[in-house]
Amino acid sequence: MKNESHAPLAQALWPDAKQAPVKLLECRHCGRRNRVQVPRAILEPHHCECGACGEPLFLAPHEPLTGIASNAYEHSLDRTTLAALKGIPASPR
């Protein structure tokens, strides 16, 4: 890990750095698959870049989520409640 302040946490969660889980992520810019260590993705997402194009693999905190449908983040109970409310004849739509 580049950031030494995260080293104790990473050591506590993944005592053997060689055994730390790895995931394959597709670059949102060029489509290449990248092998990313989970500890680094969690603790230092701003340092995870595509090996092919060099662009960041994760959104920055100020970047908006685009192209995502509301049902992707709605809780199932919210959907049930909204459907029940829409069934009430006098409720606003």
C-alpha atoms as a PDB file:
ATOM      1  CA  MET A   1       0.000   0.000   0.000  1.00  0.00           C
ATOM      2  CA  LYS A   2       1.305   3.422  -0.858  1.00  0.00           C
ATOM      3  CA  ASN A   3      -0.482   5.209   1.987  1.00  0.00           C
ATOM      4  CA  GLU A   4       1.224   4.099   5.183  1.00  0.00           C
ATOM      5  CA  SER A   5      -1.703   5.327   7.338  1.00  0.00           C
ATOM      6  CA  HIS A   6      -3.777   2.447   5.923  1.00  0.00           C
ATOM      7  CA  ALA A   7      -1.064  -0.157   6.527  1.00  0.00           C
ATOM      8  CA  PRO A   8      -2.228  -1.208  10.043  1.00  0.00           C
ATOM      9  CA  LEU A   9      -5.823  -1.631   8.868  1.00  0.00           C
ATOM     10  CA  ALA A  10      -4.785  -3.591   5.784  1.00  0.00           C
ATOM     11  CA  GLN A  11      -2.503  -5.763   7.940  1.00  0.00           C
ATOM     12  CA  ALA A  12      -5.342  -6.439  10.394  1.00  0.00           C
ATOM     13  CA  LEU A  13      -7.843  -7.352   7.654  1.00  0.00           C
ATOM     14  CA  TRP A  14      -5.429  -9.249   5.410  1.00  0.00           C
ATOM     15  CA  PRO A  15      -2.465 -10.476   7.517  1.00  0.00           C
ATOM     16  CA  ASP A  16      -0.848 -12.230   4.553  1.00  0.00           C
ATOM     17  CA  ALA A  17      -0.690  -9.639   1.763  1.00  0.00           C
ATOM     18  CA  LYS A  18      -0.110 -12.411  -0.796  1.00  0.00           C
ATOM     19  CA  GLN A  19      -3.453 -13.957   0.189  1.00  0.00           C
ATOM     20  CA  ALA A  20      -5.411 -10.689  -0.173  1.00  0.00           C
ATOM     21  CA  PRO A  21      -8.383 -11.195  -2.482  1.00  0.00           C
ATOM     22  CA  VAL A  22      -8.122 -10.027  -6.085  1.00  0.00           C
ATOM     23  CA  LYS A  23     -10.983  -9.097  -8.423  1.00  0.00           C
ATOM     24  CA  LEU A  24     -11.077  -8.524 -12.168  1.00  0.00           C
ATOM     25  CA  LEU A  25     -12.631  -5.181 -13.098  1.00  0.00           C
ATOM     26  CA  GLU A  26     -13.418  -3.939 -16.563  1.00  0.00           C
ATOM     27  CA  CYS A  27     -12.201  -0.426 -17.323  1.00  0.00           C
ATOM     28  CA  ARG A  28     -15.150   1.880 -17.961  1.00  0.00           C
ATOM     29  CA  HIS A  29     -13.046   3.820 -20.488  1.00  0.00           C
ATOM     30  CA  CYS A  30     -11.363   1.197 -22.690  1.00  0.00           C
ATOM     31  CA  GLY A  31     -13.009  -2.079 -21.670  1.00  0.00           C
ATOM     32  CA  ARG A  32      -9.776  -3.895 -20.708  1.00  0.00           C
ATOM     33  CA  ARG A  33      -9.918  -6.196 -17.702  1.00  0.00           C
ATOM     34  CA  ASN A  34      -7.731  -5.249 -14.739  1.00  0.00           C
ATOM     35  CA  ARG A  35      -6.643  -7.328 -11.777  1.00  0.00           C
ATOM     36  CA  VAL A  36      -7.253  -5.213  -8.654  1.00  0.00           C
ATOM     37  CA  GLN A  37      -6.362  -6.124  -5.081  1.00  0.00           C
ATOM     38  CA  VAL A  38      -9.451  -5.730  -2.893  1.00  0.00           C
ATOM     39  CA  PRO A  39      -7.544  -4.004  -0.040  1.00  0.00           C
ATOM     40  CA  ARG A  40      -6.251  -1.364  -2.418  1.00  0.00           C
ATOM     41  CA  ALA A  41      -9.680  -0.883  -4.022  1.00  0.00           C
ATOM     42  CA  ILE A  42     -11.230  -0.352  -0.590  1.00  0.00           C
ATOM     43  CA  LEU A  43      -8.552   1.761   1.052  1.00  0.00           C
ATOM     44  CA  GLU A  44      -7.133   3.661  -1.940  1.00  0.00           C
ATOM     45  CA  PRO A  45      -9.667   3.618  -4.802  1.00  0.00           C
ATOM     46  CA  HIS A  46      -8.222   6.843  -6.247  1.00  0.00           C
ATOM     47  CA  HIS A  47      -4.956   4.974  -6.940  1.00  0.00           C
ATOM     48  CA  CYS A  48      -6.593   2.185  -8.972  1.00  0.00           C
ATOM     49  CA  GLU A  49      -5.960   2.906 -12.646  1.00  0.00           C
ATOM     50  CA  CYS A  50      -6.335   0.877 -15.812  1.00  0.00           C
ATOM     51  CA  GLY A  51      -3.098  -0.786 -16.865  1.00  0.00           C
ATOM     52  CA  ALA A  52      -3.879  -0.187 -20.535  1.00  0.00           C
ATOM     53  CA  CYS A  53      -5.217   3.371 -20.775  1.00  0.00           C
ATOM     54  CA  GLY A  54      -4.192   4.789 -17.370  1.00  0.00           C
ATOM     55  CA  GLU A  55      -7.672   6.121 -16.601  1.00  0.00           C
ATOM     56  CA  PRO A  56      -9.203   5.661 -13.115  1.00  0.00           C
ATOM     57  CA  LEU A  57     -11.162   2.453 -12.566  1.00  0.00           C
ATOM     58  CA  PHE A  58     -13.501   4.015  -9.999  1.00  0.00           C
ATOM     59  CA  LEU A  59     -15.571   7.196 -10.015  1.00  0.00           C
ATOM     60  CA  ALA A  60     -14.186  10.118  -8.069  1.00  0.00           C
ATOM     61  CA  PRO A  61     -16.356  11.347  -5.175  1.00  0.00           C
ATOM     62  CA  HIS A  62     -17.524  14.356  -7.217  1.00  0.00           C
ATOM     63  CA  GLU A  63     -18.453  12.337 -10.348  1.00  0.00           C
ATOM     64  CA  PRO A  64     -22.175  11.646 -10.748  1.00  0.00           C
ATOM     65  CA  LEU A  65     -23.609   8.214 -11.408  1.00  0.00           C
ATOM     66  CA  THR A  66     -25.163   8.255 -14.862  1.00  0.00           C
ATOM     67  CA  GLY A  67     -27.175   5.685 -16.768  1.00  0.00           C
ATOM     68  CA  ILE A  68     -28.439   3.941 -13.652  1.00  0.00           C
ATOM     69  CA  ALA A  69     -32.095   3.001 -13.288  1.00  0.00           C
ATOM     70  CA  SER A  70     -33.843   3.854 -10.022  1.00  0.00           C
ATOM     71  CA  ASN A  71     -34.754   0.202  -9.441  1.00  0.00           C
ATOM     72  CA  ALA A  72     -31.023  -0.555  -9.117  1.00  0.00           C
ATOM     73  CA  TYR A  73     -30.865   1.275  -5.796  1.00  0.00           C
ATOM     74  CA  GLU A  74     -34.469   1.195  -4.552  1.00  0.00           C
ATOM     75  CA  HIS A  75     -35.145  -1.145  -1.660  1.00  0.00           C
ATOM     76  CA  SER A  76     -37.717  -3.839  -2.395  1.00  0.00           C
ATOM     77  CA  LEU A  77     -39.917  -2.615   0.488  1.00  0.00           C
ATOM     78  CA  ASP A  78     -39.854   0.890  -1.006  1.00  0.00           C
ATOM     79  CA  ARG A  79     -41.089  -0.490  -4.322  1.00  0.00           C
ATOM     80  CA  THR A  80     -43.886  -2.362  -2.544  1.00  0.00           C
ATOM     81  CA  THR A  81     -44.890   0.737  -0.582  1.00  0.00           C
ATOM     82  CA  LEU A  82     -44.837   2.959  -3.669  1.00  0.00           C
ATOM     83  CA  ALA A  83     -46.995   0.475  -5.552  1.00  0.00           C
ATOM     84  CA  ALA A  84     -49.491   0.419  -2.645  1.00  0.00           C
ATOM     85  CA  LEU A  85     -49.573   4.229  -2.513  1.00  0.00           C
ATOM     86  CA  LYS A  86     -50.197   4.463  -6.256  1.00  0.00           C
ATOM     87  CA  GLY A  87     -53.160   2.125  -5.774  1.00  0.00           C
ATOM     88  CA  ILE A  88     -54.925   4.606  -3.501  1.00  0.00           C
ATOM     89  CA  PRO A  89     -57.446   6.468  -5.714  1.00  0.00           C
ATOM     90  CA  ALA A  90     -57.021   9.959  -4.199  1.00  0.00           C
ATOM     91  CA  SER A  91     -53.213   9.916  -3.808  1.00  0.00           C
ATOM     92  CA  PRO A  92     -51.089  12.303  -5.907  1.00  0.00           C
ATOM     93  CA  ARG A  93     -49.051  10.705  -8.667  1.00  0.00           C
END
